[in-house]
Each structure stands twice: as structure tokens, then as C-alpha cells.
Amino acid sequence: MTDVAVPPETTSDSTSTRRAVLIYNPVKLDADALRPALEALEAETGWAETLWLETTEEDPGAGQAAEALKAGADVVIAAGGDGTVRVVAEALRGSGVPLALLPSGTGNLLARNLDLTLDDAENSLRTALTGTDRLIDMAVIDIRGDDGRTRRHSYLVMAGLGLDAKMLANTDDDLKAKAGWLAYVKAIGLALRDKNQLRLRYNLDGQGNKTLRAHTIMIGNCGSLPANILLLPDAAVDDGEFDIVVLRPEGFFGWIQIMTKIFWENGVLRRTTAGRRLMGLTKEVRALNYLKGKALVVSLSRAEQIQLDGDPFGEARSFKTWVDPSSLIVRMPPEA
């Protein structure tokens, strides 16, 4: 699908009636330090005073996003980590109200995949008030646990079971706050020692049931991870499909094949014309497989840890996930 830049909606009212709502995680953002820059930008652009809404442990953004919509926000700015962005986007999905990003977390996965500035708060705020709008897809997932209850959520970047979900479940939150992505090193070691494979039955786009044993399965609306790791090279945030990667390493050599594919082929060769020609001569490896689709149904032999956009979401015995195309508006820089 071709990228489409949609200009912010205008009305017959003066721009002074336009108002932003900023939903922020107080652990991630120093609101007092940011207020002067936003107030100066409001005065420059003629926007009304921004409504600031703070997230809490009990409500990480859903209630605040609902309040923003009720208040008639012209744009909602999400300031926090990937969890805050996901929760706010979930509430804005299909509303027609743009989401602007003020990256303030460890991963900032959606901002990375949209090539947005990660460490310039003033530039991010200017984009929120003066940028253009872009339609992107979201993915919806129904997760059923062993208790038979189903929970519905949305995600922007990736859902996963196996290594990544176990890694997140093992991550020390206090260490993550202090050391960032280094906190995952210990968790990765614990996850790699887990020899249990995923045993599952799946149906992709209604093409019939298939069985599979795998170490990890990830469903992505976007392809890039921190450290410029390109996990899903063909994933696009607005193509109406998600990309799926299945990791099936058999011992140490299998992991070497996966690392070669991800870091060398995806990370190096794919970035140049000569490299892409060289990739055409390489063979696919059994340890790593890619799929593409619009709807996926999975049943597992036992409940497994599942993650959405880098946050653990407990255990899933089965799930159904599908793409909701062009369901979210994201505010982009004017030059985009």
C-alpha cells in the first residue's frame, strides 16, 4: 500500500480553538521541565492550552485517552514507553483523532519504525501541533487463557510467544529502569535455557489447519527492533497485512543460522543493491521461516507466555489476531 500523508483536518473555527491532550507516564517524563517548551509552541502556533493527563499503575492510559476523546482533543500526545503508546493507541483506534508520539521509554518501537526523532522533545511537540497525518494499521488480538476467558487487546508493533515472551517475563523491571536494554541480557539467558518448544496448531487466512513445533513465533505490524535489528524485513505498517517469523533452531548451529539471517542478511546485505543480489544466491534455512497474512488463529498444547509490544500479557492457551487496516492516524513531521 502506498504511503498517504493526510493533512490535519481544518475547520471554519480559528486555530486558537484547537487543543492537544498530552497523556504521560510520570516515571518516564519530567512534565515540569517540558511545560515551558510546549507553552511557547502553543503561543507560536495559536493552539489552546494543552490538557495534561498523568497515567497511573491502575490506569496506564485507557481512561486518560477516553477523557481526551470526550474533551474533543484535536491530537493526543502519548509520552511514555511502548506500553503507554500501545494503550493510548488502542483507545484511539478508529476514532479519527491523531496520535502523536513523544518517545520517552527504553524501546520506543513504533517511533523507531516510523523513523521519528527519539531524543528531541521540542521537535516531537512541534510535529504534534504542526505535522501531517498518516494512516497506519493496527492489529487486534483475542487471547484465551486456561480459564476460558477471552481478553481483547490491540498492538502496534509485535505480538510474540516463546523466547521473547519468556525473556520479558524474566526481566527485572528495576534493572530495566536503570540499565535499559542491558537488563534483557540476563533474561535472555534464562529464556534460552528453557528447552520447552511451542506445540501449536494454526490457521492463516482461512487456508486450513497446520501443526508446528517452534521455539518462538512473532507476529509483526512493524519489522525493526532496538539496536537497528531488522527482524521482519518485509513488514510495513500500512500494507494491510502482518508478517510472521517462526524460529525453529535445532541446537547451537540453528541459532547461528538465525543470527546470520537477521544480523547479516537483514541487517547488512539487504541495505545495498549488491547485497540484495547476493541474497538471491543464498538458501532459505529451516531454523527461520517467514509468513504473511491478514488473520491468524493459533491453538497451543499448553498455556504459554505472550507479549504485546514488549509488555507481558500473561498466558495464552489460544488466540486469534487480525489486521485492522488504516485504523489509526499518526502525526508525522511536515517534511514526511
Protein backbone atom coordinates (compact mmCIF):
# COMPACT_ATOMS: atom_id res chain seq x y z
CA MET A 1 0.00 0.00 0.00
CA THR A 2 1.29 3.46 -0.90
CA ASP A 3 2.06 5.80 1.99
CA VAL A 4 -0.53 8.55 2.19
CA ALA A 5 0.09 11.78 4.07
CA VAL A 6 -3.21 13.25 5.26
CA PRO A 7 -3.10 16.93 6.23
CA PRO A 8 -4.53 17.74 9.67
CA GLU A 9 -8.24 18.45 9.48
CA THR A 10 -9.20 22.10 9.44
CA THR A 11 -12.49 23.78 10.35
CA SER A 12 -14.03 27.20 10.00
CA ASP A 13 -13.07 27.94 13.59
CA SER A 14 -9.81 29.76 14.31
CA THR A 15 -6.79 27.64 15.11
CA SER A 16 -6.87 29.01 18.68
CA THR A 17 -9.75 26.59 19.38
CA ARG A 18 -7.56 23.59 18.60
CA ARG A 19 -6.36 21.74 21.64
CA ALA A 20 -3.95 18.91 22.34
CA VAL A 21 -4.14 16.41 25.16
CA LEU A 22 -0.84 15.04 26.48
CA ILE A 23 -1.01 11.66 28.24
CA TYR A 24 2.23 10.97 30.06
CA ASN A 25 3.87 8.43 32.31
CA PRO A 26 5.32 10.46 35.23
CA VAL A 27 8.08 7.88 35.69
CA LYS A 28 9.30 8.42 32.12
CA LEU A 29 8.70 12.15 31.64
CA ASP A 30 9.62 15.27 33.63
CA ALA A 31 6.47 17.26 32.97
CA ASP A 32 7.64 20.42 34.72
CA ALA A 33 10.75 20.57 32.53
CA LEU A 34 8.71 20.18 29.36
CA ARG A 35 5.86 22.61 30.06
CA PRO A 36 7.73 25.84 29.11
CA ALA A 37 8.64 24.47 25.67
CA LEU A 38 5.07 23.38 24.99
CA GLU A 39 3.63 26.69 26.22
CA ALA A 40 5.97 28.60 23.90
CA LEU A 41 4.94 26.40 20.98
CA GLU A 42 1.25 26.92 21.79
CA ALA A 43 1.76 30.68 21.74
CA GLU A 44 3.65 30.47 18.43
CA THR A 45 1.09 28.28 16.65
CA GLY A 46 -2.13 29.59 18.19
CA TRP A 47 -3.17 26.35 19.88
CA ALA A 48 -5.12 26.44 23.14
CA GLU A 49 -3.53 25.33 26.40
CA THR A 50 -2.76 21.61 26.38
CA LEU A 51 -4.62 19.32 28.77
CA TRP A 52 -2.10 17.20 30.70
CA LEU A 53 -3.25 13.78 31.94
CA GLU A 54 -1.00 11.57 34.06
CA THR A 55 -1.07 7.77 33.86
CA THR A 56 -1.10 5.59 36.97
CA GLU A 57 -0.30 1.97 37.75
CA GLU A 58 -4.04 1.29 37.92
CA ASP A 59 -4.77 3.09 34.65
CA PRO A 60 -1.80 3.17 32.23
CA GLY A 61 -3.60 5.29 29.63
CA ALA A 62 -7.00 3.90 28.64
CA GLY A 63 -9.06 6.11 30.94
CA GLN A 64 -6.98 9.15 30.07
CA ALA A 65 -7.42 8.51 26.33
CA ALA A 66 -11.19 8.19 26.82
CA GLU A 67 -11.14 11.51 28.69
CA ALA A 68 -9.17 13.08 25.83
CA LEU A 69 -11.75 11.95 23.29
CA LYS A 70 -14.58 13.22 25.48
CA ALA A 71 -12.82 16.58 25.74
CA GLY A 72 -12.73 16.84 21.94
CA ALA A 73 -8.95 16.64 21.54
CA ASP A 74 -7.59 17.59 18.11
CA VAL A 75 -4.50 15.48 18.76
CA VAL A 76 -3.48 13.15 21.58
CA ILE A 77 0.20 13.08 22.51
CA ALA A 78 1.47 9.88 24.16
CA ALA A 79 4.59 10.41 26.27
CA GLY A 80 5.99 7.26 27.80
CA GLY A 81 7.25 3.83 26.90
CA ASP A 82 5.87 1.33 24.42
CA GLY A 83 3.20 0.28 26.92
CA THR A 84 1.80 3.78 27.22
CA VAL A 85 1.79 4.23 23.45
CA ARG A 86 0.01 0.90 22.92
CA VAL A 87 -2.72 1.60 25.48
CA VAL A 88 -3.41 5.11 24.16
CA ALA A 89 -3.40 3.90 20.54
CA GLU A 90 -5.80 1.10 21.46
CA ALA A 91 -8.28 3.70 22.70
CA LEU A 92 -7.78 5.95 19.65
CA ARG A 93 -8.14 3.15 17.09
CA GLY A 94 -10.92 4.05 14.68
CA SER A 95 -11.68 7.36 16.42
CA GLY A 96 -10.30 9.66 13.70
CA VAL A 97 -8.22 11.54 16.30
CA PRO A 98 -4.47 11.59 15.54
CA LEU A 99 -1.87 10.10 17.85
CA ALA A 100 1.40 11.99 18.28
CA LEU A 101 4.45 10.39 19.86
CA LEU A 102 6.80 11.88 22.42
CA PRO A 103 9.27 8.99 22.81
CA SER A 104 10.20 8.60 26.48
CA GLY A 105 10.85 4.89 27.01
CA THR A 106 13.52 2.24 26.54
CA GLY A 107 12.40 0.74 23.24
CA ASN A 108 10.28 3.41 21.51
CA LEU A 109 9.44 0.73 18.95
CA LEU A 110 6.71 2.47 16.96
CA ALA A 111 8.70 5.72 16.77
CA ARG A 112 11.74 3.79 15.51
CA ASN A 113 9.72 2.05 12.83
CA LEU A 114 8.23 5.36 11.67
CA ASP A 115 11.72 6.97 11.62
CA LEU A 116 10.66 9.62 14.13
CA THR A 117 13.08 11.62 16.26
CA LEU A 118 13.74 9.81 19.52
CA ASP A 119 15.64 12.32 21.63
CA ASP A 120 14.34 15.77 20.69
CA ALA A 121 11.26 16.58 22.76
CA GLU A 122 10.74 20.04 21.28
CA ASN A 123 10.81 18.65 17.74
CA SER A 124 8.32 15.93 18.74
CA LEU A 125 5.97 18.54 20.21
CA ARG A 126 6.23 20.68 17.08
CA THR A 127 5.33 17.65 14.99
CA ALA A 128 2.30 17.05 17.23
CA LEU A 129 0.94 20.55 16.60
CA THR A 130 2.10 21.29 13.05
CA GLY A 131 2.74 17.94 11.36
CA THR A 132 0.82 15.92 8.78
CA ASP A 133 -1.26 12.82 9.37
CA ARG A 134 -0.55 9.28 8.23
CA LEU A 135 -2.88 6.30 8.32
CA ILE A 136 -1.35 3.09 9.68
CA ASP A 137 -2.63 -0.37 10.52
CA MET A 138 -3.20 -1.80 13.98
CA ALA A 139 -3.52 -5.45 14.91
CA VAL A 140 -6.25 -6.77 17.20
CA ILE A 141 -5.91 -9.93 19.28
CA ASP A 142 -8.32 -12.07 21.30
CA ILE A 143 -6.34 -14.03 23.93
CA ARG A 144 -7.94 -17.01 25.69
CA GLY A 145 -6.34 -18.41 28.81
CA ASP A 146 -6.70 -21.75 30.59
CA ASP A 147 -9.66 -20.31 32.49
CA GLY A 148 -11.60 -19.99 29.23
CA ARG A 149 -11.93 -16.21 29.46
CA THR A 150 -11.06 -14.10 26.42
CA ARG A 151 -9.31 -10.73 26.57
CA ARG A 152 -9.22 -8.36 23.59
CA HIS A 153 -6.31 -6.01 23.01
CA SER A 154 -4.65 -4.13 20.16
CA TYR A 155 -0.97 -3.84 19.33
CA LEU A 156 1.13 -1.66 17.06
CA VAL A 157 4.44 -3.44 16.66
CA MET A 158 4.61 -7.14 17.55
CA ALA A 159 2.96 -9.98 19.43
CA GLY A 160 5.07 -12.95 20.39
CA LEU A 161 5.26 -16.30 22.14
CA GLY A 162 8.35 -18.26 23.09
CA LEU A 163 11.77 -16.71 23.65
CA ASP A 164 10.71 -13.05 23.55
CA ALA A 165 7.70 -13.52 25.85
CA LYS A 166 9.72 -15.60 28.34
CA MET A 167 12.52 -13.04 28.20
CA LEU A 168 10.10 -10.25 29.10
CA ALA A 169 8.56 -12.31 31.90
CA ASN A 170 12.06 -12.83 33.35
CA THR A 171 13.16 -9.18 33.05
CA ASP A 172 13.82 -7.25 36.25
CA ASP A 173 11.79 -4.02 35.99
CA ASP A 174 14.05 -2.15 38.43
CA LEU A 175 17.15 -3.14 36.46
CA LYS A 176 15.43 -2.18 33.20
CA ALA A 177 14.75 1.30 34.58
CA LYS A 178 18.44 1.70 35.49
CA ALA A 179 20.22 -0.12 32.67
CA GLY A 180 17.78 -0.01 29.76
CA TRP A 181 18.17 -2.85 27.22
CA LEU A 182 21.13 -4.31 29.14
CA ALA A 183 18.56 -5.59 31.62
CA TYR A 184 17.39 -8.08 29.00
CA VAL A 185 20.74 -9.90 28.82
CA LYS A 186 20.10 -11.91 31.99
CA ALA A 187 16.52 -12.56 30.93
CA ILE A 188 17.64 -13.83 27.51
CA GLY A 189 19.99 -16.29 29.20
CA LEU A 190 17.17 -17.67 31.34
CA ALA A 191 14.87 -17.96 28.34
CA LEU A 192 17.47 -19.75 26.19
CA ARG A 193 17.90 -22.41 28.89
CA ASP A 194 14.21 -23.25 28.59
CA LYS A 195 14.14 -26.32 26.31
CA ASN A 196 10.35 -26.46 26.02
CA GLN A 197 9.11 -25.96 22.48
CA LEU A 198 5.84 -24.42 21.42
CA ARG A 199 3.48 -27.06 20.07
CA LEU A 200 0.67 -25.43 18.16
CA ARG A 201 -2.00 -25.70 15.52
CA TYR A 202 -2.56 -22.65 13.34
CA ASN A 203 -4.78 -21.39 10.54
CA LEU A 204 -3.56 -18.46 8.44
CA ASP A 205 -6.16 -16.56 6.39
CA GLY A 206 -8.57 -19.49 6.49
CA GLN A 207 -6.26 -21.74 4.46
CA GLY A 208 -6.69 -24.76 6.70
CA ASN A 209 -5.18 -26.06 9.93
CA LYS A 210 -1.48 -26.87 10.16
CA THR A 211 0.63 -28.15 13.06
CA LEU A 212 4.00 -26.77 14.05
CA ARG A 213 6.74 -27.09 16.65
CA ALA A 214 8.77 -23.95 17.21
CA HIS A 215 10.95 -22.15 19.71
CA THR A 216 9.41 -18.73 19.06
CA ILE A 217 6.67 -17.21 16.93
CA MET A 218 6.30 -13.45 16.41
CA ILE A 219 3.56 -11.59 14.53
CA GLY A 220 4.66 -8.13 13.44
CA ASN A 221 2.96 -5.00 12.18
CA CYS A 222 6.46 -3.44 12.07
CA GLY A 223 9.83 -5.02 11.43
CA SER A 224 12.57 -3.21 13.37
CA LEU A 225 13.74 -3.70 16.95
CA PRO A 226 16.14 -1.60 19.04
CA ALA A 227 19.82 -1.61 18.01
CA ASN A 228 18.61 -1.40 14.39
CA ILE A 229 17.79 -5.12 14.32
CA LEU A 230 15.59 -5.86 11.31
CA LEU A 231 13.61 -8.91 12.37
CA LEU A 232 10.84 -8.70 9.75
CA PRO A 233 12.42 -7.15 6.64
CA ASP A 234 9.23 -7.03 4.54
CA ALA A 235 6.91 -5.70 7.25
CA ALA A 236 5.19 -2.38 6.53
CA VAL A 237 2.99 -0.52 8.95
CA ASP A 238 0.38 0.34 6.32
CA ASP A 239 0.19 -2.64 3.93
CA GLY A 240 -2.93 -4.23 5.42
CA GLU A 241 -1.03 -7.38 6.45
CA PHE A 242 1.19 -8.57 9.24
CA ASP A 243 4.41 -10.53 8.89
CA ILE A 244 5.13 -13.65 10.92
CA VAL A 245 8.51 -15.14 11.80
CA VAL A 246 8.89 -18.65 13.17
CA LEU A 247 12.16 -19.62 14.89
CA ARG A 248 12.91 -23.36 14.91
CA PRO A 249 16.59 -23.75 15.82
CA GLU A 250 17.96 -27.24 16.35
CA GLY A 251 20.87 -26.76 18.70
CA PHE A 252 23.70 -24.26 18.52
CA PHE A 253 24.04 -24.39 14.70
CA GLY A 254 20.38 -23.48 14.33
CA TRP A 255 20.90 -20.32 16.37
CA ILE A 256 23.92 -19.46 14.20
CA GLN A 257 21.69 -19.72 11.11
CA ILE A 258 19.12 -17.41 12.71
CA MET A 259 21.71 -14.84 13.76
CA THR A 260 23.27 -14.90 10.28
CA LYS A 261 19.89 -14.34 8.67
CA ILE A 262 18.85 -11.50 10.98
CA PHE A 263 22.11 -9.63 11.54
CA TRP A 264 24.00 -10.31 8.29
CA GLU A 265 21.37 -10.72 5.58
CA ASN A 266 18.64 -8.45 7.02
CA GLY A 267 20.98 -6.01 8.72
CA VAL A 268 23.78 -5.69 6.14
CA LEU A 269 23.14 -7.28 2.74
CA ARG A 270 19.56 -6.08 2.36
CA ARG A 271 20.63 -2.43 2.66
CA THR A 272 22.55 -2.36 -0.66
CA THR A 273 21.74 -3.34 -4.24
CA ALA A 274 24.79 -5.60 -4.46
CA GLY A 275 23.89 -7.18 -1.14
CA ARG A 276 20.34 -7.93 -2.28
CA ARG A 277 21.72 -9.62 -5.41
CA LEU A 278 23.98 -11.73 -3.20
CA MET A 279 20.98 -12.66 -1.03
CA GLY A 280 19.36 -14.15 -4.11
CA LEU A 281 22.11 -16.77 -4.15
CA THR A 282 21.65 -17.81 -0.52
CA LYS A 283 19.38 -20.66 0.56
CA GLU A 284 16.50 -20.41 2.97
CA VAL A 285 17.15 -22.07 6.33
CA ARG A 286 14.79 -24.33 8.22
CA ALA A 287 15.61 -22.60 11.51
CA LEU A 288 13.82 -19.41 10.43
CA ASN A 289 10.69 -19.08 8.32
CA TYR A 290 8.59 -16.09 7.25
CA LEU A 291 4.85 -15.96 6.58
CA LYS A 292 2.46 -13.15 5.64
CA GLY A 293 -1.26 -12.78 6.25
CA LYS A 294 -4.25 -10.83 7.50
CA ALA A 295 -5.73 -13.16 10.12
CA LEU A 296 -4.16 -15.89 12.25
CA VAL A 297 -5.76 -18.38 14.64
CA VAL A 298 -3.47 -20.35 16.98
CA SER A 299 -4.20 -23.14 19.49
CA LEU A 300 -1.43 -24.30 21.82
CA SER A 301 -0.88 -27.65 23.51
CA ARG A 302 -0.45 -25.80 26.82
CA ALA A 303 -0.71 -22.23 28.06
CA GLU A 304 2.31 -20.12 27.06
CA GLN A 305 3.57 -16.65 27.93
CA ILE A 306 2.55 -13.99 25.40
CA GLN A 307 3.77 -10.42 24.88
CA LEU A 308 2.34 -7.42 23.05
CA ASP A 309 4.61 -4.52 22.05
CA GLY A 310 7.20 -5.54 24.61
CA ASP A 311 4.88 -5.97 27.61
CA PRO A 312 4.00 -9.38 29.10
CA PHE A 313 0.30 -10.25 28.89
CA GLY A 314 0.19 -13.43 30.93
CA GLU A 315 -0.51 -16.82 29.42
CA ALA A 316 -2.45 -17.80 26.29
CA ARG A 317 -3.90 -21.20 25.52
CA SER A 318 -5.18 -19.92 22.18
CA PHE A 319 -5.53 -16.64 20.34
CA LYS A 320 -6.94 -15.05 17.22
CA THR A 321 -5.29 -11.97 15.74
CA TRP A 322 -6.11 -9.90 12.68
CA VAL A 323 -5.15 -6.65 10.97
CA ASP A 324 -7.39 -3.60 11.26
CA PRO A 325 -6.11 -1.67 8.21
CA SER A 326 -5.69 2.12 8.26
CA SER A 327 -7.38 2.27 11.65
CA LEU A 328 -5.01 4.70 13.39
CA ILE A 329 -3.88 8.19 12.43
CA VAL A 330 -0.33 9.07 13.45
CA ARG A 331 1.04 12.61 13.36
CA MET A 332 4.24 12.83 11.30
CA PRO A 333 6.74 15.67 10.70
CA PRO A 334 5.68 18.08 7.94
CA GLU A 335 8.59 17.02 5.71
CA ALA A 336 7.40 13.37 5.86
